[in-house]
Every structure is written in structure tokens, then in C-alpha cells.
Amino acid sequence: YLLKQRVSAAQDMLRTTDKSIVDIALSVGFS
């Protein structure tokens, strides 16, 4: 569940921001 929520939040950020993938990964809790 936690991983799915993190991926879902990342999808929203990938869709709506210009942030780099590494910044998105870190902002949704991936190390």
C-alpha cells in the first residue's frame, strides 16, 4: 500500500511538474 501511494503521488508530480525524476523520487520517500 505504501509503495502504491508513493508511486501515485509520483505520477501526479510527473504529470504536473518539471521536477527531475530524482527530485520526485526523493520527495515521495524513495532513498
PDB file of all heavy atoms in Angstrom:
ATOM      1  N   TYR A   1       0.840  -1.205   0.000  1.00  0.00           N
ATOM      2  CA  TYR A   1       0.000   0.000   0.000  1.00  0.00           C
ATOM      3  C   TYR A   1       0.876   1.257   0.000  1.00  0.00           C
ATOM      4  O   TYR A   1       0.641   2.183  -0.779  1.00  0.00           O
ATOM      5  CB  TYR A   1      -0.936   0.002   1.207  1.00  0.00           C
ATOM      6  CG  TYR A   1      -1.717   1.282   1.330  1.00  0.00           C
ATOM      7  CD1 TYR A   1      -2.818   1.522   0.517  1.00  0.00           C
ATOM      8  CD2 TYR A   1      -1.333   2.268   2.229  1.00  0.00           C
ATOM      9  CE1 TYR A   1      -3.516   2.710   0.600  1.00  0.00           C
ATOM     10  CE2 TYR A   1      -2.024   3.458   2.320  1.00  0.00           C
ATOM     11  CZ  TYR A   1      -3.121   3.673   1.505  1.00  0.00           C
ATOM     12  OH  TYR A   1      -3.813   4.858   1.584  1.00  0.00           O
ATOM     13  N   LEU A   2       1.874   1.285   0.864  1.00  0.00           N
ATOM     14  CA  LEU A   2       2.769   2.436   0.952  1.00  0.00           C
ATOM     15  C   LEU A   2       3.446   2.697  -0.400  1.00  0.00           C
ATOM     16  O   LEU A   2       3.484   3.834  -0.876  1.00  0.00           O
ATOM     17  CB  LEU A   2       3.819   2.211   2.043  1.00  0.00           C
ATOM     18  CG  LEU A   2       4.887   3.280   2.197  1.00  0.00           C
ATOM     19  CD1 LEU A   2       4.267   4.619   2.593  1.00  0.00           C
ATOM     20  CD2 LEU A   2       5.921   2.838   3.221  1.00  0.00           C
ATOM     21  N   LEU A   3       3.957   1.647  -1.021  1.00  0.00           N
ATOM     22  CA  LEU A   3       4.616   1.817  -2.322  1.00  0.00           C
ATOM     23  C   LEU A   3       3.641   2.330  -3.380  1.00  0.00           C
ATOM     24  O   LEU A   3       3.987   3.216  -4.175  1.00  0.00           O
ATOM     25  CB  LEU A   3       5.259   0.508  -2.772  1.00  0.00           C
ATOM     26  CG  LEU A   3       6.462   0.032  -1.966  1.00  0.00           C
ATOM     27  CD1 LEU A   3       6.970  -1.298  -2.510  1.00  0.00           C
ATOM     28  CD2 LEU A   3       7.574   1.069  -1.954  1.00  0.00           C
ATOM     29  N   LYS A   4       2.432   1.805  -3.401  1.00  0.00           N
ATOM     30  CA  LYS A   4       1.439   2.264  -4.381  1.00  0.00           C
ATOM     31  C   LYS A   4       1.091   3.732  -4.157  1.00  0.00           C
ATOM     32  O   LYS A   4       0.904   4.483  -5.117  1.00  0.00           O
ATOM     33  CB  LYS A   4       0.189   1.394  -4.335  1.00  0.00           C
ATOM     34  CG  LYS A   4       0.403   0.048  -4.993  1.00  0.00           C
ATOM     35  CD  LYS A   4      -0.877  -0.766  -5.019  1.00  0.00           C
ATOM     36  CE  LYS A   4      -0.595  -2.099  -5.656  1.00  0.00           C
ATOM     37  NZ  LYS A   4      -1.232  -2.258  -6.935  1.00  0.00           N
ATOM     38  N   GLN A   5       0.991   4.150  -2.900  1.00  0.00           N
ATOM     39  CA  GLN A   5       0.699   5.550  -2.617  1.00  0.00           C
ATOM     40  C   GLN A   5       1.853   6.442  -3.056  1.00  0.00           C
ATOM     41  O   GLN A   5       1.638   7.534  -3.595  1.00  0.00           O
ATOM     42  CB  GLN A   5       0.397   5.749  -1.129  1.00  0.00           C
ATOM     43  CG  GLN A   5      -0.883   5.062  -0.684  1.00  0.00           C
ATOM     44  CD  GLN A   5      -2.063   5.433  -1.558  1.00  0.00           C
ATOM     45  OE1 GLN A   5      -2.431   6.600  -1.668  1.00  0.00           O
ATOM     46  NE2 GLN A   5      -2.660   4.446  -2.213  1.00  0.00           N
ATOM     47  N   ARG A   6       3.064   5.988  -2.833  1.00  0.00           N
ATOM     48  CA  ARG A   6       4.226   6.772  -3.255  1.00  0.00           C
ATOM     49  C   ARG A   6       4.284   6.889  -4.777  1.00  0.00           C
ATOM     50  O   ARG A   6       4.553   7.962  -5.317  1.00  0.00           O
ATOM     51  CB  ARG A   6       5.504   6.140  -2.715  1.00  0.00           C
ATOM     52  CG  ARG A   6       5.661   6.395  -1.234  1.00  0.00           C
ATOM     53  CD  ARG A   6       6.951   5.884  -0.688  1.00  0.00           C
ATOM     54  NE  ARG A   6       7.119   6.425   0.656  1.00  0.00           N
ATOM     55  CZ  ARG A   6       7.897   5.914   1.579  1.00  0.00           C
ATOM     56  NH1 ARG A   6       8.627   4.850   1.301  1.00  0.00           N
ATOM     57  NH2 ARG A   6       7.970   6.473   2.763  1.00  0.00           N
ATOM     58  N   VAL A   7       4.020   5.806  -5.471  1.00  0.00           N
ATOM     59  CA  VAL A   7       4.028   5.833  -6.928  1.00  0.00           C
ATOM     60  C   VAL A   7       2.893   6.716  -7.453  1.00  0.00           C
ATOM     61  O   VAL A   7       3.080   7.490  -8.394  1.00  0.00           O
ATOM     62  CB  VAL A   7       3.952   4.402  -7.512  1.00  0.00           C
ATOM     63  CG1 VAL A   7       3.645   4.423  -8.999  1.00  0.00           C
ATOM     64  CG2 VAL A   7       5.254   3.667  -7.245  1.00  0.00           C
ATOM     65  N   SER A   8       1.746   6.663  -6.827  1.00  0.00           N
ATOM     66  CA  SER A   8       0.624   7.502  -7.235  1.00  0.00           C
ATOM     67  C   SER A   8       0.957   8.989  -7.075  1.00  0.00           C
ATOM     68  O   SER A   8       0.691   9.805  -7.967  1.00  0.00           O
ATOM     69  CB  SER A   8      -0.610   7.142  -6.412  1.00  0.00           C
ATOM     70  OG  SER A   8      -1.694   7.956  -6.759  1.00  0.00           O
ATOM     71  N   ALA A   9       1.562   9.332  -5.947  1.00  0.00           N
ATOM     72  CA  ALA A   9       1.978  10.724  -5.737  1.00  0.00           C
ATOM     73  C   ALA A   9       3.033  11.122  -6.762  1.00  0.00           C
ATOM     74  O   ALA A   9       3.021  12.254  -7.281  1.00  0.00           O
ATOM     75  CB  ALA A   9       2.500  10.902  -4.319  1.00  0.00           C
ATOM     76  N   ALA A  10       3.935  10.213  -7.071  1.00  0.00           N
ATOM     77  CA  ALA A  10       4.971  10.489  -8.075  1.00  0.00           C
ATOM     78  C   ALA A  10       4.345  10.707  -9.452  1.00  0.00           C
ATOM     79  O   ALA A  10       4.773  11.593 -10.195  1.00  0.00           O
ATOM     80  CB  ALA A  10       5.980   9.346  -8.116  1.00  0.00           C
ATOM     81  N   GLN A  11       3.338   9.922  -9.789  1.00  0.00           N
ATOM     82  CA  GLN A  11       2.660  10.099 -11.074  1.00  0.00           C
ATOM     83  C   GLN A  11       2.060  11.497 -11.172  1.00  0.00           C
ATOM     84  O   GLN A  11       2.149  12.143 -12.219  1.00  0.00           O
ATOM     85  CB  GLN A  11       1.570   9.043 -11.268  1.00  0.00           C
ATOM     86  CG  GLN A  11       2.104   7.677 -11.599  1.00  0.00           C
ATOM     87  CD  GLN A  11       1.001   6.661 -11.740  1.00  0.00           C
ATOM     88  OE1 GLN A  11       0.246   6.422 -10.795  1.00  0.00           O
ATOM     89  NE2 GLN A  11       0.909   6.059 -12.908  1.00  0.00           N
ATOM     90  N   ASP A  12       1.439  11.946 -10.087  1.00  0.00           N
ATOM     91  CA  ASP A  12       0.873  13.297 -10.088  1.00  0.00           C
ATOM     92  C   ASP A  12       1.962  14.335 -10.327  1.00  0.00           C
ATOM     93  O   ASP A  12       1.774  15.277 -11.100  1.00  0.00           O
ATOM     94  CB  ASP A  12       0.163  13.587  -8.761  1.00  0.00           C
ATOM     95  CG  ASP A  12      -1.126  12.802  -8.614  1.00  0.00           C
ATOM     96  OD1 ASP A  12      -1.659  12.315  -9.632  1.00  0.00           O
ATOM     97  OD2 ASP A  12      -1.598  12.676  -7.467  1.00  0.00           O
ATOM     98  N   MET A  13       3.112  14.159  -9.676  1.00  0.00           N
ATOM     99  CA  MET A  13       4.203  15.114  -9.836  1.00  0.00           C
ATOM    100  C   MET A  13       4.820  15.028 -11.235  1.00  0.00           C
ATOM    101  O   MET A  13       5.172  16.053 -11.825  1.00  0.00           O
ATOM    102  CB  MET A  13       5.263  14.879  -8.766  1.00  0.00           C
ATOM    103  CG  MET A  13       4.756  15.206  -7.369  1.00  0.00           C
ATOM    104  SD  MET A  13       5.947  14.794  -6.101  1.00  0.00           S
ATOM    105  CE  MET A  13       7.032  16.199  -6.240  1.00  0.00           C
ATOM    106  N   LEU A  14       4.951  13.825 -11.756  1.00  0.00           N
ATOM    107  CA  LEU A  14       5.487  13.667 -13.112  1.00  0.00           C
ATOM    108  C   LEU A  14       4.578  14.340 -14.136  1.00  0.00           C
ATOM    109  O   LEU A  14       5.047  14.896 -15.131  1.00  0.00           O
ATOM    110  CB  LEU A  14       5.643  12.187 -13.464  1.00  0.00           C
ATOM    111  CG  LEU A  14       6.791  11.450 -12.787  1.00  0.00           C
ATOM    112  CD1 LEU A  14       6.613   9.941 -12.923  1.00  0.00           C
ATOM    113  CD2 LEU A  14       8.129  11.888 -13.378  1.00  0.00           C
ATOM    114  N   ARG A  15       3.290  14.272 -13.886  1.00  0.00           N
ATOM    115  CA  ARG A  15       2.311  14.828 -14.811  1.00  0.00           C
ATOM    116  C   ARG A  15       2.241  16.353 -14.728  1.00  0.00           C
ATOM    117  O   ARG A  15       1.989  17.017 -15.726  1.00  0.00           O
ATOM    118  CB  ARG A  15       0.934  14.233 -14.494  1.00  0.00           C
ATOM    119  CG  ARG A  15      -0.163  14.642 -15.447  1.00  0.00           C
ATOM    120  CD  ARG A  15      -1.546  14.114 -15.065  1.00  0.00           C
ATOM    121  NE  ARG A  15      -1.577  12.697 -14.794  1.00  0.00           N
ATOM    122  CZ  ARG A  15      -1.803  12.164 -13.576  1.00  0.00           C
ATOM    123  NH1 ARG A  15      -1.984  12.920 -12.533  1.00  0.00           N
ATOM    124  NH2 ARG A  15      -1.843  10.856 -13.419  1.00  0.00           N
ATOM    125  N   THR A  16       2.451  16.918 -13.534  1.00  0.00           N
ATOM    126  CA  THR A  16       2.141  18.337 -13.340  1.00  0.00           C
ATOM    127  C   THR A  16       3.345  19.224 -13.039  1.00  0.00           C
ATOM    128  O   THR A  16       3.163  20.427 -12.904  1.00  0.00           O
ATOM    129  CB  THR A  16       1.135  18.495 -12.193  1.00  0.00           C
ATOM    130  OG1 THR A  16       1.707  17.967 -10.995  1.00  0.00           O
ATOM    131  CG2 THR A  16      -0.168  17.779 -12.518  1.00  0.00           C
ATOM    132  N   THR A  17       4.532  18.653 -12.895  1.00  0.00           N
ATOM    133  CA  THR A  17       5.698  19.489 -12.583  1.00  0.00           C
ATOM    134  C   THR A  17       6.836  19.194 -13.549  1.00  0.00           C
ATOM    135  O   THR A  17       6.814  18.200 -14.275  1.00  0.00           O
ATOM    136  CB  THR A  17       6.217  19.233 -11.140  1.00  0.00           C
ATOM    137  OG1 THR A  17       6.827  17.935 -11.090  1.00  0.00           O
ATOM    138  CG2 THR A  17       5.113  19.352 -10.118  1.00  0.00           C
ATOM    139  N   ASP A  18       7.833  20.058 -13.503  1.00  0.00           N
ATOM    140  CA  ASP A  18       9.043  19.862 -14.293  1.00  0.00           C
ATOM    141  C   ASP A  18      10.180  19.318 -13.442  1.00  0.00           C
ATOM    142  O   ASP A  18      11.333  19.280 -13.904  1.00  0.00           O
ATOM    143  CB  ASP A  18       9.491  21.191 -14.923  1.00  0.00           C
ATOM    144  CG  ASP A  18       8.522  21.687 -15.984  1.00  0.00           C
ATOM    145  OD1 ASP A  18       7.761  20.860 -16.519  1.00  0.00           O
ATOM    146  OD2 ASP A  18       8.527  22.894 -16.270  1.00  0.00           O
ATOM    147  N   LYS A  19       9.885  18.907 -12.242  1.00  0.00           N
ATOM    148  CA  LYS A  19      10.929  18.394 -11.359  1.00  0.00           C
ATOM    149  C   LYS A  19      11.627  17.200 -11.999  1.00  0.00           C
ATOM    150  O   LYS A  19      11.012  16.430 -12.731  1.00  0.00           O
ATOM    151  CB  LYS A  19      10.338  17.934 -10.022  1.00  0.00           C
ATOM    152  CG  LYS A  19       9.971  19.030  -9.084  1.00  0.00           C
ATOM    153  CD  LYS A  19       9.532  18.433  -7.751  1.00  0.00           C
ATOM    154  CE  LYS A  19       9.334  19.489  -6.702  1.00  0.00           C
ATOM    155  NZ  LYS A  19       9.003  18.890  -5.403  1.00  0.00           N
ATOM    156  N   SER A  20      12.905  17.057 -11.659  1.00  0.00           N
ATOM    157  CA  SER A  20      13.640  15.902 -12.169  1.00  0.00           C
ATOM    158  C   SER A  20      13.123  14.629 -11.501  1.00  0.00           C
ATOM    159  O   SER A  20      12.519  14.675 -10.423  1.00  0.00           O
ATOM    160  CB  SER A  20      15.138  16.053 -11.882  1.00  0.00           C
ATOM    161  OG  SER A  20      15.375  15.927 -10.488  1.00  0.00           O
ATOM    162  N   ILE A  21      13.379  13.517 -12.140  1.00  0.00           N
ATOM    163  CA  ILE A  21      12.909  12.238 -11.605  1.00  0.00           C
ATOM    164  C   ILE A  21      13.540  11.943 -10.252  1.00  0.00           C
ATOM    165  O   ILE A  21      12.881  11.456  -9.338  1.00  0.00           O
ATOM    166  CB  ILE A  21      13.143  11.106 -12.625  1.00  0.00           C
ATOM    167  CG1 ILE A  21      12.207  11.329 -13.816  1.00  0.00           C
ATOM    168  CG2 ILE A  21      12.893   9.743 -11.992  1.00  0.00           C
ATOM    169  CD1 ILE A  21      12.374  10.389 -14.961  1.00  0.00           C
ATOM    170  N   VAL A  22      14.802  12.297 -10.088  1.00  0.00           N
ATOM    171  CA  VAL A  22      15.451  12.059  -8.796  1.00  0.00           C
ATOM    172  C   VAL A  22      14.806  12.911  -7.708  1.00  0.00           C
ATOM    173  O   VAL A  22      14.597  12.449  -6.584  1.00  0.00           O
ATOM    174  CB  VAL A  22      16.986  12.245  -8.870  1.00  0.00           C
ATOM    175  CG1 VAL A  22      17.370  13.702  -9.055  1.00  0.00           C
ATOM    176  CG2 VAL A  22      17.641  11.666  -7.629  1.00  0.00           C
ATOM    177  N   ASP A  23      14.467  14.174  -8.016  1.00  0.00           N
ATOM    178  CA  ASP A  23      13.804  15.032  -7.033  1.00  0.00           C
ATOM    179  C   ASP A  23      12.425  14.487  -6.669  1.00  0.00           C
ATOM    180  O   ASP A  23      12.024  14.520  -5.500  1.00  0.00           O
ATOM    181  CB  ASP A  23      13.671  16.463  -7.557  1.00  0.00           C
ATOM    182  CG  ASP A  23      15.002  17.195  -7.581  1.00  0.00           C
ATOM    183  OD1 ASP A  23      15.933  16.774  -6.849  1.00  0.00           O
ATOM    184  OD2 ASP A  23      15.119  18.178  -8.342  1.00  0.00           O
ATOM    185  N   ILE A  24      11.720  13.979  -7.650  1.00  0.00           N
ATOM    186  CA  ILE A  24      10.403  13.388  -7.383  1.00  0.00           C
ATOM    187  C   ILE A  24      10.559  12.145  -6.523  1.00  0.00           C
ATOM    188  O   ILE A  24       9.831  11.949  -5.546  1.00  0.00           O
ATOM    189  CB  ILE A  24       9.661  13.084  -8.701  1.00  0.00           C
ATOM    190  CG1 ILE A  24       9.262  14.396  -9.386  1.00  0.00           C
ATOM    191  CG2 ILE A  24       8.439  12.208  -8.453  1.00  0.00           C
ATOM    192  CD1 ILE A  24       8.691  14.243 -10.773  1.00  0.00           C
ATOM    193  N   ALA A  25      11.530  11.314  -6.870  1.00  0.00           N
ATOM    194  CA  ALA A  25      11.763  10.091  -6.091  1.00  0.00           C
ATOM    195  C   ALA A  25      12.017  10.422  -4.628  1.00  0.00           C
ATOM    196  O   ALA A  25      11.429   9.806  -3.724  1.00  0.00           O
ATOM    197  CB  ALA A  25      12.940   9.308  -6.672  1.00  0.00           C
ATOM    198  N   LEU A  26      12.863  11.401  -4.382  1.00  0.00           N
ATOM    199  CA  LEU A  26      13.182  11.780  -3.003  1.00  0.00           C
ATOM    200  C   LEU A  26      11.988  12.422  -2.301  1.00  0.00           C
ATOM    201  O   LEU A  26      11.764  12.190  -1.113  1.00  0.00           O
ATOM    202  CB  LEU A  26      14.387  12.736  -2.987  1.00  0.00           C
ATOM    203  CG  LEU A  26      15.702  12.148  -3.487  1.00  0.00           C
ATOM    204  CD1 LEU A  26      16.777  13.223  -3.574  1.00  0.00           C
ATOM    205  CD2 LEU A  26      16.156  10.989  -2.617  1.00  0.00           C
ATOM    206  N   SER A  27      11.183  13.179  -3.045  1.00  0.00           N
ATOM    207  CA  SER A  27      10.058  13.873  -2.416  1.00  0.00           C
ATOM    208  C   SER A  27       8.893  12.947  -2.076  1.00  0.00           C
ATOM    209  O   SER A  27       8.032  13.318  -1.293  1.00  0.00           O
ATOM    210  CB  SER A  27       9.583  15.025  -3.293  1.00  0.00           C
ATOM    211  OG  SER A  27       9.003  14.546  -4.474  1.00  0.00           O
ATOM    212  N   VAL A  28       8.865  11.750  -2.635  1.00  0.00           N
ATOM    213  CA  VAL A  28       7.807  10.787  -2.270  1.00  0.00           C
ATOM    214  C   VAL A  28       8.340   9.651  -1.410  1.00  0.00           C
ATOM    215  O   VAL A  28       7.667   8.640  -1.228  1.00  0.00           O
ATOM    216  CB  VAL A  28       7.047  10.244  -3.509  1.00  0.00           C
ATOM    217  CG1 VAL A  28       6.305  11.357  -4.236  1.00  0.00           C
ATOM    218  CG2 VAL A  28       7.952   9.480  -4.443  1.00  0.00           C
ATOM    219  N   GLY A  29       9.553   9.816  -0.883  1.00  0.00           N
ATOM    220  CA  GLY A  29      10.038   8.881   0.120  1.00  0.00           C
ATOM    221  C   GLY A  29      10.975   7.791  -0.329  1.00  0.00           C
ATOM    222  O   GLY A  29      11.345   6.934   0.478  1.00  0.00           O
ATOM    223  N   PHE A  30      11.384   7.785  -1.585  1.00  0.00           N
ATOM    224  CA  PHE A  30      12.366   6.797  -2.023  1.00  0.00           C
ATOM    225  C   PHE A  30      13.758   7.342  -1.733  1.00  0.00           C
ATOM    226  O   PHE A  30      14.006   8.528  -1.907  1.00  0.00           O
ATOM    227  CB  PHE A  30      12.206   6.478  -3.508  1.00  0.00           C
ATOM    228  CG  PHE A  30      10.986   5.670  -3.818  1.00  0.00           C
ATOM    229  CD1 PHE A  30       9.802   6.288  -4.188  1.00  0.00           C
ATOM    230  CD2 PHE A  30      11.011   4.288  -3.724  1.00  0.00           C
ATOM    231  CE1 PHE A  30       8.666   5.540  -4.457  1.00  0.00           C
ATOM    232  CE2 PHE A  30       9.886   3.539  -3.994  1.00  0.00           C
ATOM    233  CZ  PHE A  30       8.707   4.163  -4.359  1.00  0.00           C
ATOM    234  N   SER A  31      14.663   6.471  -1.311  1.00  0.00           N
ATOM    235  CA  SER A  31      16.004   6.945  -0.967  1.00  0.00           C
ATOM    236  C   SER A  31      16.919   7.049  -2.187  1.00  0.00           C
ATOM    237  O   SER A  31      17.896   7.779  -2.147  1.00  0.00           O
ATOM    238  CB  SER A  31      16.635   6.046   0.087  1.00  0.00           C
ATOM    239  OG  SER A  31      16.673   4.712  -0.354  1.00  0.00           O
TER     240      SER A  31
END
